Amino acid sequence: MPNGMTRREREITDINEITKILDTAKVLHLGLVDGDEPYVVPMNYGYVMENGKLTVYLHGARRGRKIDVIQANPKVFFEAECDIQPFEGDIACRYGITYSSIMGKGIATIVEDVEEKKKALSILMKTQTDKDFEFEDKMVAFVSVIRIDVSQYTAKYRPMPK
């Protein structure tokens, strides 16, 4: 599928740089479509990158709008950013902000398998805290876990102007 990125010179293709963004950005903005309306939710996340294939894990309440929307339409879009720093210019059009970001789309699945939920929550906590956690069956019963099987993603940066 063609990449719609306008500023190709800012594209990040190095997998190490992409995982650096995923390790640094702590909040992912999850885009859903609720009927005919967009719905975006900021969420903590965890991820696994294996052979260039990205899988994202989210968690939240067992019930609510997000779960209802995913069950009705599992197609999702996400975005996360880091390294945000505003800069000034000598004229209005030269003001801006530096950033590194990743965007992607995929299919969301509500994870029901207890072992997969425990693994996903451990991955999420490792991404968020860089610490290892284990979860008991009764702990995972109180949360929903969402897995996004990412079909396409792009990463981009905007450096500080010289």
Protein backbone atom coordinates (compact mmCIF):
# COMPACT_ATOMS: atom_id res chain seq x y z
CA MET A 1 0.00 0.00 0.00
CA PRO A 2 1.45 3.41 -0.91
CA ASN A 3 2.75 5.55 1.91
CA GLY A 4 0.95 8.91 1.96
CA MET A 5 3.79 10.74 3.73
CA THR A 6 4.32 14.16 2.20
CA ARG A 7 7.71 15.02 3.70
CA ARG A 8 9.63 11.86 2.73
CA GLU A 9 12.93 13.37 3.88
CA ARG A 10 11.59 13.18 7.45
CA GLU A 11 10.59 9.52 7.27
CA ILE A 12 12.23 7.13 9.73
CA THR A 13 12.81 3.63 8.38
CA ASP A 14 15.51 2.37 10.77
CA ILE A 15 13.78 -0.17 13.03
CA ASN A 16 16.03 0.83 15.95
CA GLU A 17 14.86 4.45 15.68
CA ILE A 18 11.24 3.31 15.42
CA THR A 19 11.52 1.19 18.57
CA LYS A 20 13.19 4.15 20.30
CA ILE A 21 10.05 6.20 19.59
CA LEU A 22 7.85 3.37 20.93
CA ASP A 23 10.03 3.11 24.04
CA THR A 24 9.99 6.85 24.69
CA ALA A 25 6.43 7.99 23.82
CA LYS A 26 4.34 6.70 26.80
CA VAL A 27 0.90 7.66 25.43
CA LEU A 28 -0.75 6.35 22.28
CA HIS A 29 -3.77 8.06 20.74
CA LEU A 30 -6.18 5.37 19.60
CA GLY A 31 -8.50 6.37 16.78
CA LEU A 32 -11.79 4.53 16.37
CA VAL A 33 -14.94 5.06 14.31
CA ASP A 34 -18.14 5.05 16.37
CA GLY A 35 -20.91 4.74 13.79
CA ASP A 36 -20.14 7.72 11.59
CA GLU A 37 -18.18 9.71 14.19
CA PRO A 38 -14.46 9.65 14.97
CA TYR A 39 -13.49 8.80 18.54
CA VAL A 40 -9.94 9.18 19.88
CA VAL A 41 -8.72 7.91 23.24
CA PRO A 42 -5.26 8.53 24.80
CA MET A 43 -3.91 5.31 26.31
CA ASN A 44 -0.81 3.76 27.82
CA TYR A 45 0.49 0.90 25.71
CA GLY A 46 2.95 -1.90 25.36
CA TYR A 47 4.36 -3.31 22.16
CA VAL A 48 6.26 -6.15 20.58
CA MET A 49 8.31 -5.67 17.43
CA GLU A 50 9.34 -8.96 15.85
CA ASN A 51 10.92 -9.05 12.40
CA GLY A 52 9.42 -5.67 11.56
CA LYS A 53 5.93 -6.81 12.61
CA LEU A 54 4.40 -4.55 15.25
CA THR A 55 1.83 -5.67 17.79
CA VAL A 56 0.44 -3.14 20.27
CA TYR A 57 -1.28 -3.94 23.57
CA LEU A 58 -3.67 -1.67 25.48
CA HIS A 59 -5.69 -2.18 28.62
CA GLY A 60 -8.71 -0.60 30.22
CA ALA A 61 -12.11 -1.19 31.72
CA ARG A 62 -13.98 -4.35 30.75
CA ARG A 63 -16.97 -2.30 29.61
CA GLY A 64 -17.48 1.09 28.04
CA ARG A 65 -17.59 3.00 24.81
CA LYS A 66 -14.12 1.96 23.61
CA ILE A 67 -14.92 -1.75 23.97
CA ASP A 68 -18.34 -1.31 22.33
CA VAL A 69 -16.82 0.55 19.38
CA ILE A 70 -14.05 -2.01 18.85
CA GLN A 71 -16.57 -4.86 18.91
CA ALA A 72 -18.66 -3.06 16.27
CA ASN A 73 -15.69 -1.96 14.12
CA PRO A 74 -12.25 -3.39 14.93
CA LYS A 75 -10.41 -1.21 12.38
CA VAL A 76 -8.22 1.23 14.31
CA PHE A 77 -5.63 3.92 13.74
CA PHE A 78 -3.04 5.06 16.28
CA GLU A 79 -0.45 7.75 16.79
CA ALA A 80 2.24 8.37 19.41
CA GLU A 81 4.84 11.10 19.65
CA CYS A 82 7.88 12.09 21.69
CA ASP A 83 10.78 14.55 21.70
CA ILE A 84 8.39 17.51 21.63
CA GLN A 85 10.10 20.89 21.74
CA PRO A 86 8.64 24.16 20.45
CA PHE A 87 10.93 26.54 18.58
CA GLU A 88 10.69 30.14 17.48
CA GLY A 89 11.41 31.79 14.18
CA ASP A 90 11.97 35.28 12.90
CA ILE A 91 8.50 35.24 11.28
CA ALA A 92 5.29 33.40 12.15
CA CYS A 93 5.75 30.71 9.50
CA ARG A 94 9.11 29.69 10.97
CA TYR A 95 7.74 28.82 14.40
CA GLY A 96 7.15 25.12 14.93
CA ILE A 97 7.79 22.08 17.04
CA THR A 98 10.27 19.23 16.91
CA TYR A 99 8.97 15.69 17.30
CA SER A 100 9.39 12.03 16.53
CA SER A 101 6.20 10.08 15.86
CA ILE A 102 4.72 6.82 14.73
CA MET A 103 1.33 6.29 13.14
CA GLY A 104 -0.31 3.09 12.02
CA LYS A 105 -3.42 1.11 11.41
CA GLY A 106 -4.57 -2.38 12.18
CA ILE A 107 -7.23 -4.62 13.59
CA ALA A 108 -8.05 -4.55 17.30
CA THR A 109 -9.04 -7.70 19.14
CA ILE A 110 -10.36 -7.96 22.69
CA VAL A 111 -8.13 -10.61 24.26
CA GLU A 112 -10.04 -13.24 26.23
CA ASP A 113 -7.31 -15.84 26.81
CA VAL A 114 -5.99 -15.42 30.39
CA GLU A 115 -2.41 -16.37 29.52
CA GLU A 116 -2.29 -13.93 26.61
CA LYS A 117 -3.74 -11.20 28.84
CA LYS A 118 -1.06 -11.81 31.48
CA LYS A 119 1.67 -11.70 28.83
CA ALA A 120 0.20 -8.54 27.28
CA LEU A 121 -0.01 -6.75 30.63
CA SER A 122 3.61 -7.69 31.38
CA ILE A 123 4.63 -6.27 28.00
CA LEU A 124 2.65 -3.10 28.67
CA MET A 125 4.29 -2.60 32.07
CA LYS A 126 7.75 -3.27 30.63
CA THR A 127 7.17 -0.62 27.95
CA GLN A 128 5.83 1.89 30.45
CA THR A 129 8.24 1.33 33.37
CA ASP A 130 11.14 -0.78 32.03
CA LYS A 131 10.39 -3.16 34.92
CA ASP A 132 9.22 -6.76 34.87
CA PHE A 133 5.84 -7.59 36.41
CA GLU A 134 3.86 -10.80 36.70
CA PHE A 135 0.08 -11.00 36.89
CA GLU A 136 -2.19 -13.53 38.56
CA ASP A 137 -5.35 -14.86 36.94
CA LYS A 138 -7.61 -12.97 39.33
CA MET A 139 -5.83 -9.67 38.56
CA VAL A 140 -6.39 -9.91 34.80
CA ALA A 141 -10.06 -10.76 35.27
CA PHE A 142 -10.77 -7.13 36.17
CA VAL A 143 -9.38 -5.51 33.00
CA SER A 144 -9.81 -5.76 29.28
CA VAL A 145 -6.77 -6.19 27.09
CA ILE A 146 -6.81 -5.03 23.50
CA ARG A 147 -4.33 -6.37 20.95
CA ILE A 148 -3.73 -4.39 17.78
CA ASP A 149 -2.31 -6.45 14.94
CA VAL A 150 -0.68 -3.60 13.03
CA SER A 151 -0.92 -3.91 9.25
CA GLN A 152 0.90 -0.69 8.36
CA TYR A 153 2.91 1.95 10.19
CA THR A 154 5.15 4.90 9.42
CA ALA A 155 7.50 6.93 11.56
CA LYS A 156 8.61 10.51 11.10
CA TYR A 157 10.65 13.22 12.78
CA ARG A 158 11.05 16.95 12.57
CA PRO A 159 14.43 18.18 13.75
CA MET A 160 15.27 21.56 15.21
CA PRO A 161 15.97 23.95 12.33
CA LYS A 162 19.54 25.14 11.97
